[in-house]
Protein backbone atom coordinates (compact mmCIF):
# COMPACT_ATOMS: atom_id res chain seq x y z
CA MET A 1 2.61 7.65 -20.32
CA GLY A 2 2.91 4.02 -21.42
CA ARG A 3 6.71 4.30 -21.72
CA GLY A 4 7.03 5.90 -18.31
CA SER A 5 4.83 3.22 -16.79
CA GLY A 6 7.04 0.47 -18.12
CA PHE A 7 10.16 1.98 -16.56
CA LEU A 8 8.44 2.47 -13.20
CA ILE A 9 7.44 -1.17 -13.18
CA GLY A 10 11.09 -2.11 -13.55
CA LEU A 11 11.99 0.37 -10.84
CA LEU A 12 9.36 -0.42 -8.24
CA GLY A 13 8.14 -3.87 -9.13
CA ALA A 14 4.56 -2.64 -9.43
CA VAL A 15 1.85 -3.10 -12.02
CA TRP A 16 1.49 0.62 -12.65
CA LEU A 17 -1.53 1.66 -14.67
CA LEU A 18 -2.05 5.35 -15.21
CA GLY A 19 -3.78 5.67 -18.53
CA SER A 20 -1.49 3.15 -20.19
CA GLY A 21 -4.30 0.72 -20.93
CA HIS A 22 -2.13 -2.36 -20.40
CA GLY A 23 -3.53 -5.06 -18.11
CA GLU A 24 -0.37 -7.18 -18.07
CA GLN A 25 3.19 -5.89 -18.12
CA GLN A 26 6.35 -7.66 -19.19
CA PRO A 27 8.86 -8.08 -16.35
CA PRO A 28 12.30 -6.48 -16.61
CA GLU A 29 15.16 -8.52 -17.98
CA THR A 30 16.90 -9.25 -14.70
CA ALA A 31 15.69 -10.08 -11.22
CA ALA A 32 18.09 -7.48 -9.84
CA GLN A 33 15.96 -4.75 -11.38
CA ARG A 34 12.78 -6.02 -9.74
CA CYS A 35 13.61 -6.99 -6.14
CA PHE A 36 12.89 -3.63 -4.57
CA CYS A 37 10.24 -4.40 -1.95
CA GLN A 38 11.56 -5.15 1.52
CA VAL A 39 9.11 -6.57 4.05
CA ASN A 40 9.00 -8.61 7.24
CA LEU A 41 6.28 -11.25 6.91
CA LYS A 42 7.25 -12.99 10.16
CA ARG A 43 6.22 -10.30 12.61
CA PRO A 44 3.86 -11.79 15.21
CA CYS A 45 0.25 -10.69 15.37
CA PRO A 46 0.04 -8.16 18.22
CA PHE A 47 -3.65 -8.74 18.93
CA TRP A 48 -4.38 -12.49 19.07
CA ASN A 49 -2.47 -15.77 19.00
CA ASP A 50 -4.88 -18.19 17.30
CA ILE A 51 -3.83 -17.44 13.71
CA SER A 52 -4.67 -20.17 11.23
CA GLN A 53 -1.84 -20.17 8.70
CA CYS A 54 -2.84 -20.81 5.09
CA GLY A 55 -1.08 -23.98 3.94
CA ARG A 56 -1.86 -23.60 0.23
CA ARG A 57 1.04 -23.13 -2.18
CA ASP A 58 -0.60 -20.01 -3.56
CA CYS A 59 -0.38 -18.39 -0.11
CA ALA A 60 3.40 -18.69 -0.02
CA VAL A 61 5.80 -15.86 -0.87
CA LYS A 62 9.07 -16.46 -2.70
CA PRO A 63 11.74 -14.03 -1.44
CA CYS A 64 14.71 -12.80 -3.47
CA GLN A 65 18.15 -14.30 -3.06
CA SER A 66 20.75 -11.94 -1.62
CA ASP A 67 22.74 -11.84 -4.85
CA GLU A 68 19.66 -10.70 -6.79
CA VAL A 69 19.35 -7.40 -4.90
CA PRO A 70 21.25 -4.38 -6.29
CA VAL A 71 23.97 -3.11 -3.95
CA GLY A 72 22.52 0.39 -3.93
CA ILE A 73 19.22 -0.92 -2.58
CA LYS A 74 20.54 -2.99 0.30
CA SER A 75 20.12 -1.19 3.61
CA ALA A 76 23.08 -3.04 5.13
CA SER A 77 25.68 -5.49 3.92
CA TYR A 78 25.42 -7.80 6.90
CA LYS A 79 23.12 -8.81 9.75
CA TYR A 80 23.83 -9.06 13.43
CA SER A 81 23.69 -12.09 15.69
CA GLU A 82 21.82 -11.73 18.97
CA GLU A 83 25.11 -11.93 20.88
CA ALA A 84 26.69 -9.17 18.83
CA ASN A 85 23.67 -6.92 19.29
CA ASN A 86 23.94 -7.28 23.06
CA LEU A 87 27.59 -6.21 23.03
CA ILE A 88 27.35 -3.12 20.82
CA GLU A 89 26.47 0.24 22.30
CA GLU A 90 23.30 1.80 20.92
CA CYS A 91 25.08 4.67 19.17
CA GLU A 92 27.66 2.36 17.59
CA GLN A 93 24.93 -0.02 16.46
CA ALA A 94 22.96 2.79 14.82
CA GLU A 95 26.07 3.97 12.99
CA ARG A 96 26.91 0.49 11.67
CA LEU A 97 23.34 -0.27 10.69
CA GLY A 98 23.46 2.78 8.46
CA ALA A 99 26.63 1.64 6.74
CA VAL A 100 26.60 1.34 2.97
CA ASP A 101 28.90 -0.14 0.38
CA GLU A 102 31.94 2.16 0.13
CA SER A 103 32.26 1.40 -3.56
CA LEU A 104 29.28 3.68 -4.17
CA SER A 105 29.85 7.34 -4.91
CA GLU A 106 29.81 9.79 -1.99
CA GLU A 107 26.62 11.36 -3.30
CA THR A 108 24.91 7.97 -3.50
CA GLN A 109 26.11 6.99 -0.02
CA LYS A 110 24.55 10.10 1.48
CA ALA A 111 21.24 9.45 -0.25
CA VAL A 112 21.17 5.79 0.80
CA LEU A 113 21.90 6.73 4.40
CA GLN A 114 19.04 9.21 4.37
CA TRP A 115 16.67 6.68 2.83
CA THR A 116 17.46 3.99 5.39
CA LYS A 117 17.08 6.11 8.51
CA HIS A 118 14.37 4.85 10.82
CA ASP A 119 11.57 7.41 10.64
CA ASP A 120 8.86 7.07 13.27
CA SER A 121 7.77 10.69 13.52
CA SER A 122 4.37 11.87 14.65
CA ASP A 123 3.34 12.40 11.03
CA ASN A 124 3.54 8.71 10.11
CA PHE A 125 0.26 6.89 9.63
CA CYS A 126 1.72 3.37 9.52
CA GLU A 127 3.92 1.26 11.73
CA ALA A 128 6.65 0.34 9.29
CA ASP A 129 8.58 -2.93 9.34
CA ASP A 130 12.05 -2.86 10.85
CA ILE A 131 14.09 -3.38 7.70
CA GLN A 132 17.17 -4.17 9.84
CA SER A 133 15.46 -7.23 11.32
CA PRO A 134 16.97 -10.61 10.36
CA ASP A 135 13.44 -11.59 9.29
CA ALA A 136 13.16 -8.78 6.74
CA GLU A 137 13.40 -10.04 3.15
CA TYR A 138 13.42 -8.57 -0.34
CA VAL A 139 10.48 -9.68 -2.46
CA ASP A 140 10.02 -9.57 -6.21
CA LEU A 141 6.42 -8.42 -6.55
CA LEU A 142 6.16 -9.55 -10.15
CA LEU A 143 6.93 -13.12 -9.07
CA ASN A 144 4.43 -12.87 -6.20
CA PRO A 145 1.38 -11.23 -7.82
CA GLU A 146 -1.73 -10.33 -5.88
CA ARG A 147 -4.48 -12.78 -6.78
CA TYR A 148 -6.96 -15.23 -5.30
CA THR A 149 -5.12 -17.71 -3.05
CA GLY A 150 -8.00 -19.64 -1.47
CA TYR A 151 -7.59 -17.78 1.84
CA LYS A 152 -11.17 -17.17 2.98
CA GLY A 153 -13.71 -18.04 5.63
CA PRO A 154 -13.87 -16.95 9.32
CA ASP A 155 -10.13 -16.23 9.62
CA ALA A 156 -10.11 -13.87 6.64
CA TRP A 157 -13.36 -12.21 7.68
CA LYS A 158 -12.00 -11.73 11.21
CA ILE A 159 -9.32 -9.39 9.87
CA TRP A 160 -11.77 -7.07 8.12
CA ASN A 161 -14.28 -7.35 10.94
CA VAL A 162 -11.72 -6.11 13.50
CA ILE A 163 -10.70 -3.30 11.15
CA TYR A 164 -14.27 -2.08 10.65
CA GLU A 165 -15.63 -2.77 14.13
CA GLU A 166 -12.74 -1.42 16.19
CA ASN A 167 -10.91 1.10 14.02
CA CYS A 168 -13.47 3.00 11.93
CA PHE A 169 -14.98 5.12 14.72
CA LYS A 170 -18.09 2.88 14.71
CA PRO A 171 -20.15 2.19 17.87
CA GLN A 172 -20.55 -1.51 18.67
CA THR A 173 -24.32 -1.09 18.63
CA ILE A 174 -24.33 -0.21 14.94
CA LYS A 175 -24.12 -3.22 12.62
CA ARG A 176 -22.21 -3.05 9.36
CA PRO A 177 -24.26 -3.99 6.24
CA LEU A 178 -23.64 -7.50 4.90
CA ASN A 179 -21.24 -8.35 7.69
CA PRO A 180 -21.19 -12.18 7.73
CA LEU A 181 -20.09 -12.21 11.37
CA ALA A 182 -23.20 -10.32 12.50
CA SER A 183 -26.61 -11.99 12.61
CA GLY A 184 -30.12 -10.69 12.10
CA GLN A 185 -29.29 -8.02 9.55
CA GLY A 186 -31.82 -6.47 7.23
CA LYS A 187 -32.76 -3.28 5.42
CA SER A 188 -33.40 -1.42 8.66
CA GLU A 189 -29.87 -2.16 9.89
CA GLU A 190 -28.42 -0.85 6.63
CA ASN A 191 -30.41 2.38 6.90
CA THR A 192 -29.37 2.75 10.53
CA PHE A 193 -25.73 2.30 9.61
CA TYR A 194 -25.69 4.96 6.91
CA SER A 195 -27.72 7.35 9.01
CA TRP A 196 -25.02 7.00 11.65
CA LEU A 197 -22.20 7.32 9.11
CA GLU A 198 -23.63 10.49 7.55
CA GLY A 199 -23.81 11.97 11.04
CA LEU A 200 -20.05 11.77 11.49
CA CYS A 201 -17.65 14.62 10.82
CA VAL A 202 -16.15 14.77 7.33
CA GLU A 203 -12.79 13.35 8.48
CA LYS A 204 -14.29 10.22 10.07
CA ARG A 205 -16.55 9.63 7.07
CA ALA A 206 -13.50 9.91 4.83
CA PHE A 207 -11.63 7.42 7.02
CA TYR A 208 -14.38 4.82 6.65
CA ARG A 209 -14.61 5.42 2.91
CA LEU A 210 -10.86 4.95 2.49
CA ILE A 211 -10.90 1.61 4.31
CA SER A 212 -13.98 0.50 2.38
CA GLY A 213 -12.30 1.59 -0.87
CA LEU A 214 -9.14 -0.36 -0.01
CA HIS A 215 -11.26 -3.43 0.79
CA ALA A 216 -13.16 -3.05 -2.49
CA SER A 217 -9.95 -2.62 -4.48
CA ILE A 218 -8.48 -5.82 -3.04
CA ASN A 219 -11.71 -7.70 -3.83
CA VAL A 220 -11.57 -6.47 -7.43
CA HIS A 221 -8.00 -7.80 -7.73
CA LEU A 222 -9.04 -11.20 -6.37
CA SER A 223 -12.02 -11.40 -8.70
CA ALA A 224 -9.91 -10.41 -11.72
CA ARG A 225 -7.12 -12.90 -11.00
CA TYR A 226 -9.15 -15.85 -9.79
CA LEU A 227 -8.05 -19.48 -10.02
CA LEU A 228 -10.42 -20.71 -12.73
CA GLN A 229 -8.84 -24.06 -13.49
CA GLU A 230 -6.09 -26.18 -11.96
CA THR A 231 -4.51 -29.31 -13.42
CA TRP A 232 -1.26 -31.11 -12.73
CA LEU A 233 0.17 -29.34 -15.78
CA GLU A 234 -0.90 -25.73 -15.23
CA LYS A 235 -3.12 -23.24 -13.47
CA LYS A 236 -5.44 -20.88 -15.29
CA TRP A 237 -6.12 -17.46 -13.74
CA GLY A 238 -8.70 -15.01 -15.01
CA HIS A 239 -11.85 -12.98 -14.42
CA ASN A 240 -14.48 -14.63 -12.22
CA ILE A 241 -17.68 -12.80 -13.09
CA THR A 242 -19.75 -14.63 -10.46
CA GLU A 243 -17.32 -13.69 -7.71
CA PHE A 244 -17.36 -10.06 -8.84
CA GLN A 245 -21.17 -9.96 -8.88
CA GLN A 246 -21.42 -11.45 -5.39
CA ARG A 247 -19.26 -8.64 -4.08
CA PHE A 248 -20.48 -5.67 -6.11
CA ASP A 249 -23.81 -6.33 -7.88
CA GLY A 250 -26.38 -3.81 -6.66
CA ILE A 251 -29.19 -6.36 -6.29
CA LEU A 252 -27.16 -9.23 -4.84
CA THR A 253 -25.54 -6.92 -2.26
CA GLU A 254 -28.77 -5.02 -1.47
CA GLY A 255 -27.26 -1.76 -2.73
CA GLU A 256 -24.00 -2.15 -0.83
CA GLY A 257 -21.83 -3.05 -3.86
CA PRO A 258 -22.19 0.30 -5.66
CA ARG A 259 -21.30 2.10 -2.41
CA ARG A 260 -18.12 0.06 -2.22
CA LEU A 261 -17.19 0.99 -5.78
CA LYS A 262 -17.79 4.68 -5.08
CA ASN A 263 -15.40 4.38 -2.15
CA LEU A 264 -12.86 2.73 -4.44
CA TYR A 265 -12.92 5.80 -6.69
CA PHE A 266 -12.66 8.01 -3.60
CA LEU A 267 -9.49 6.15 -2.59
CA TYR A 268 -8.13 6.58 -6.13
CA LEU A 269 -8.63 10.35 -5.97
CA ILE A 270 -6.97 10.59 -2.55
CA GLU A 271 -3.85 8.75 -3.70
CA LEU A 272 -3.80 10.69 -6.96
CA ARG A 273 -3.93 13.94 -4.98
CA ALA A 274 -1.05 12.84 -2.74
CA LEU A 275 1.15 12.11 -5.75
CA SER A 276 0.45 15.55 -7.17
CA LYS A 277 1.39 17.25 -3.89
CA VAL A 278 4.62 15.32 -3.32
CA LEU A 279 6.12 16.33 -6.67
CA PRO A 280 8.53 18.93 -5.10
CA PHE A 281 10.11 16.20 -2.96
CA PHE A 282 11.03 14.13 -6.02
CA GLU A 283 12.13 17.18 -8.01
CA ARG A 284 14.92 17.98 -5.55
CA PRO A 285 18.40 17.23 -6.95
CA ASP A 286 19.26 15.23 -3.81
CA PHE A 287 16.57 12.66 -4.56
CA GLN A 288 17.98 9.65 -6.40
CA LEU A 289 16.74 6.33 -7.71
CA PHE A 290 18.97 3.27 -7.55
CA THR A 291 19.24 0.45 -10.06
CA GLY A 292 23.02 0.09 -10.09
CA ASN A 293 23.27 2.00 -13.37
CA LYS A 294 23.76 5.77 -13.09
CA ILE A 295 22.48 6.50 -16.60
CA GLN A 296 19.39 4.40 -16.02
CA ASP A 297 18.87 6.06 -12.62
CA GLU A 298 18.79 9.49 -14.26
CA GLU A 299 16.40 8.32 -16.96
CA ASN A 300 14.12 6.69 -14.39
CA LYS A 301 13.95 9.91 -12.38
CA MET A 302 13.12 11.87 -15.53
CA LEU A 303 10.29 9.44 -16.34
CA LEU A 304 9.04 9.54 -12.76
CA LEU A 305 8.86 13.35 -12.85
CA GLU A 306 7.12 13.17 -16.23
CA ILE A 307 4.38 11.00 -14.75
CA LEU A 308 4.04 13.16 -11.61
CA HIS A 309 3.69 16.31 -13.74
CA GLU A 310 1.00 14.51 -15.75
CA ILE A 311 -0.79 13.70 -12.49
CA LYS A 312 -0.48 17.30 -11.30
CA SER A 313 -2.17 18.51 -14.49
CA PHE A 314 -5.31 16.49 -13.67
CA PRO A 315 -8.11 19.13 -13.46
CA LEU A 316 -10.41 17.45 -10.90
CA HIS A 317 -8.17 16.79 -7.91
CA PHE A 318 -9.67 16.06 -4.51
CA ASP A 319 -9.65 19.09 -2.19
CA GLU A 320 -8.49 18.05 1.28
CA ASN A 321 -8.56 21.58 2.73
CA SER A 322 -11.78 20.87 4.59
CA PHE A 323 -10.01 18.22 6.69
CA PHE A 324 -9.06 19.24 10.25
CA ALA A 325 -10.09 22.83 9.55
CA GLY A 326 -12.11 23.54 12.71
CA ASP A 327 -10.98 24.53 16.19
CA ARG A 328 -7.20 24.12 16.26
CA LYS A 329 -7.09 22.07 19.47
CA GLU A 330 -9.96 19.82 18.44
CA ALA A 331 -8.53 19.46 14.94
CA HIS A 332 -5.17 18.38 16.36
CA LYS A 333 -6.81 15.74 18.56
CA LEU A 334 -8.92 14.47 15.67
CA LYS A 335 -5.88 14.21 13.41
CA GLU A 336 -4.05 12.25 16.11
CA ASP A 337 -7.03 9.87 16.50
CA PHE A 338 -7.14 9.50 12.73
CA ARG A 339 -3.43 8.66 12.61
CA LEU A 340 -3.54 6.19 15.53
CA HIS A 341 -6.53 4.33 14.10
CA PHE A 342 -4.73 3.92 10.80
CA ARG A 343 -1.51 2.80 12.49
CA ASN A 344 -3.55 0.18 14.30
CA ILE A 345 -4.90 -1.10 10.98
CA SER A 346 -1.36 -1.38 9.64
CA ARG A 347 -0.51 -3.58 12.65
CA ILE A 348 -3.56 -5.79 12.05
CA MET A 349 -2.05 -6.78 8.69
CA ASP A 350 0.49 -8.86 10.64
CA CYS A 351 -2.44 -11.07 11.69
CA VAL A 352 -3.32 -12.18 8.15
CA GLY A 353 -2.80 -15.94 7.88
CA CYS A 354 -1.93 -15.97 4.17
CA PHE A 355 1.60 -14.67 3.58
CA LYS A 356 0.91 -13.43 0.05
CA CYS A 357 -2.25 -11.66 1.27
CA ARG A 358 -0.23 -10.24 4.15
CA LEU A 359 2.45 -8.97 1.76
CA TRP A 360 -0.01 -7.08 -0.43
CA GLY A 361 -2.13 -5.96 2.51
CA LYS A 362 0.87 -4.45 4.28
CA LEU A 363 2.12 -2.85 1.07
CA GLN A 364 -1.20 -1.22 0.14
CA THR A 365 -1.95 -0.14 3.70
CA GLN A 366 1.43 1.53 4.02
CA GLY A 367 0.97 3.10 0.60
CA LEU A 368 -2.29 4.69 1.71
CA GLY A 369 -0.69 5.73 5.00
CA THR A 370 2.11 7.42 3.08
CA ALA A 371 -0.46 9.22 0.92
CA LEU A 372 -2.17 10.53 4.06
CA LYS A 373 1.17 11.62 5.50
CA ILE A 374 1.78 13.63 2.31
CA LEU A 375 -1.65 15.25 2.34
CA PHE A 376 -1.19 16.46 5.92
CA SER A 377 2.37 17.72 5.32
CA GLU A 378 1.66 20.42 2.74
CA LYS A 379 3.42 23.19 4.66
CA LEU A 380 6.42 20.98 5.40
CA ILE A 381 6.74 20.07 1.73
CA ALA A 382 6.47 23.73 0.73
CA ASN A 383 9.26 24.67 3.17
CA MET A 384 11.74 22.02 2.05
CA PRO A 385 15.19 23.40 1.16
CA GLU A 386 16.08 23.27 -2.53
CA SER A 387 19.11 21.10 -1.74
CA GLY A 388 20.57 19.28 1.21
CA PRO A 389 18.78 17.09 3.77
CA SER A 390 15.06 17.60 4.28
CA TYR A 391 14.59 16.93 7.98
CA GLU A 392 11.02 18.09 8.52
CA PHE A 393 9.53 16.14 5.62
CA HIS A 394 11.11 12.95 4.41
CA LEU A 395 9.98 9.73 2.78
CA THR A 396 11.89 6.52 3.38
CA ARG A 397 12.56 4.17 0.49
CA GLN A 398 10.03 1.81 2.06
CA GLU A 399 7.37 4.53 1.95
CA ILE A 400 8.21 5.48 -1.63
CA VAL A 401 7.96 1.90 -2.86
CA SER A 402 4.65 1.33 -1.06
CA LEU A 403 3.24 4.67 -2.27
CA PHE A 404 3.72 3.86 -5.96
CA ASN A 405 2.80 0.20 -5.65
CA ALA A 406 -0.42 1.07 -3.79
CA PHE A 407 -1.36 3.52 -6.53
CA GLY A 408 -0.50 0.86 -9.09
CA ARG A 409 -2.95 -1.48 -7.38
CA ILE A 410 -5.83 0.99 -7.15
CA SER A 411 -5.20 2.02 -10.78
CA THR A 412 -5.41 -1.65 -11.73
CA SER A 413 -8.74 -1.89 -9.93
CA VAL A 414 -10.16 1.04 -11.89
CA LYS A 415 -9.03 -0.57 -15.15
CA GLU A 416 -10.48 -3.95 -14.12
CA LEU A 417 -13.89 -2.38 -13.48
CA GLU A 418 -14.00 -1.50 -17.17
CA ASN A 419 -13.04 -5.08 -18.05
CA PHE A 420 -15.78 -6.51 -15.85
CA ARG A 421 -18.30 -4.06 -17.29
CA ASN A 422 -17.53 -5.30 -20.80
CA LEU A 423 -17.71 -8.95 -19.71
CA LEU A 424 -21.08 -8.43 -18.03
CA GLN A 425 -22.49 -6.73 -21.12
CA ASN A 426 -21.54 -9.76 -23.19
CA ILE A 427 -23.48 -12.21 -21.02
CA HIS A 428 -26.71 -10.22 -20.68
């Protein structure tokens, strides 16, 4: 497992922790092996205009240079000017945007073309970035780690408040526990909230728990990689026990912290389950990984399948069969509501004022959205042809990268909980 994790880090640029027990990983030898995440951090916020941009250096994202990105990963070898786009017919534009380097093998060209197709089907839970946009950039995630940046206060809370208040099936009259933007809260409000939540159907309760788990996971990351000391010579990052306690201690959070951590584990099980179910997609001979080295590509795929088989052997997987299992018409409407709410949350990530926070927020949100897409595509996955294009179920490269990176992040959170537990035992 540890060996496979190391290769996946080089492949996906993620801190992948699945039983490896390593909190920090060594980066690959070359930048070309790491710059695999493509994202557009310049998309405008679709909901409000008064975004306060974080001006701190730690909020900035350093993109990859064009010559650092492997040829097999690039979705196109050139970008269009606005004038050129206006002159090209839609069908011709689509054909050229799918062009790949002709020096690649025919087999690789076909796979790259399939990976870079724009996929906005009804099964998608996230609104993906347009990777053909001139604003889309490749980012080395190991050079832009998720950690505390100083982005906080009303602007940061506004993001989560909109997510919870408007996208988690919650009536406006019900106040969320420990919401700093709501006044006059107390024990009665907390009891009212959870009485309401327990009254929801299983799908809507699961939706809230997933968002709460994602929020908790991000807060664990920020507490574990907190800026402890800054001098003109260096910065020291590490575990901030006080910050962790303020967010998760049962007494300090009036019982809310332990609920958040339970939801974090719930999220972990959901993403673990998705990885176990998507194994047939990655086992197909047409699926390839690209590093620019054919031998390394084959070895990476072998290691990926080794990890996915290990995941599949986990004996306590989450059972999603109770989701959308009622009246067929009502279940279809509920699933559509579920999907649209989550897509809306993915769009809210473009309103985050800290670019590094936006990068990791978009990546983890899309990773969870991809996991949900997998869970609700079981029949499509089962009916995939053994070879050739899989039209009914397909994952884009963007979805694959976000899926594994998101699981790497939630796995890191689980490991960090053990680290914080040990640190707290030492001070009491």
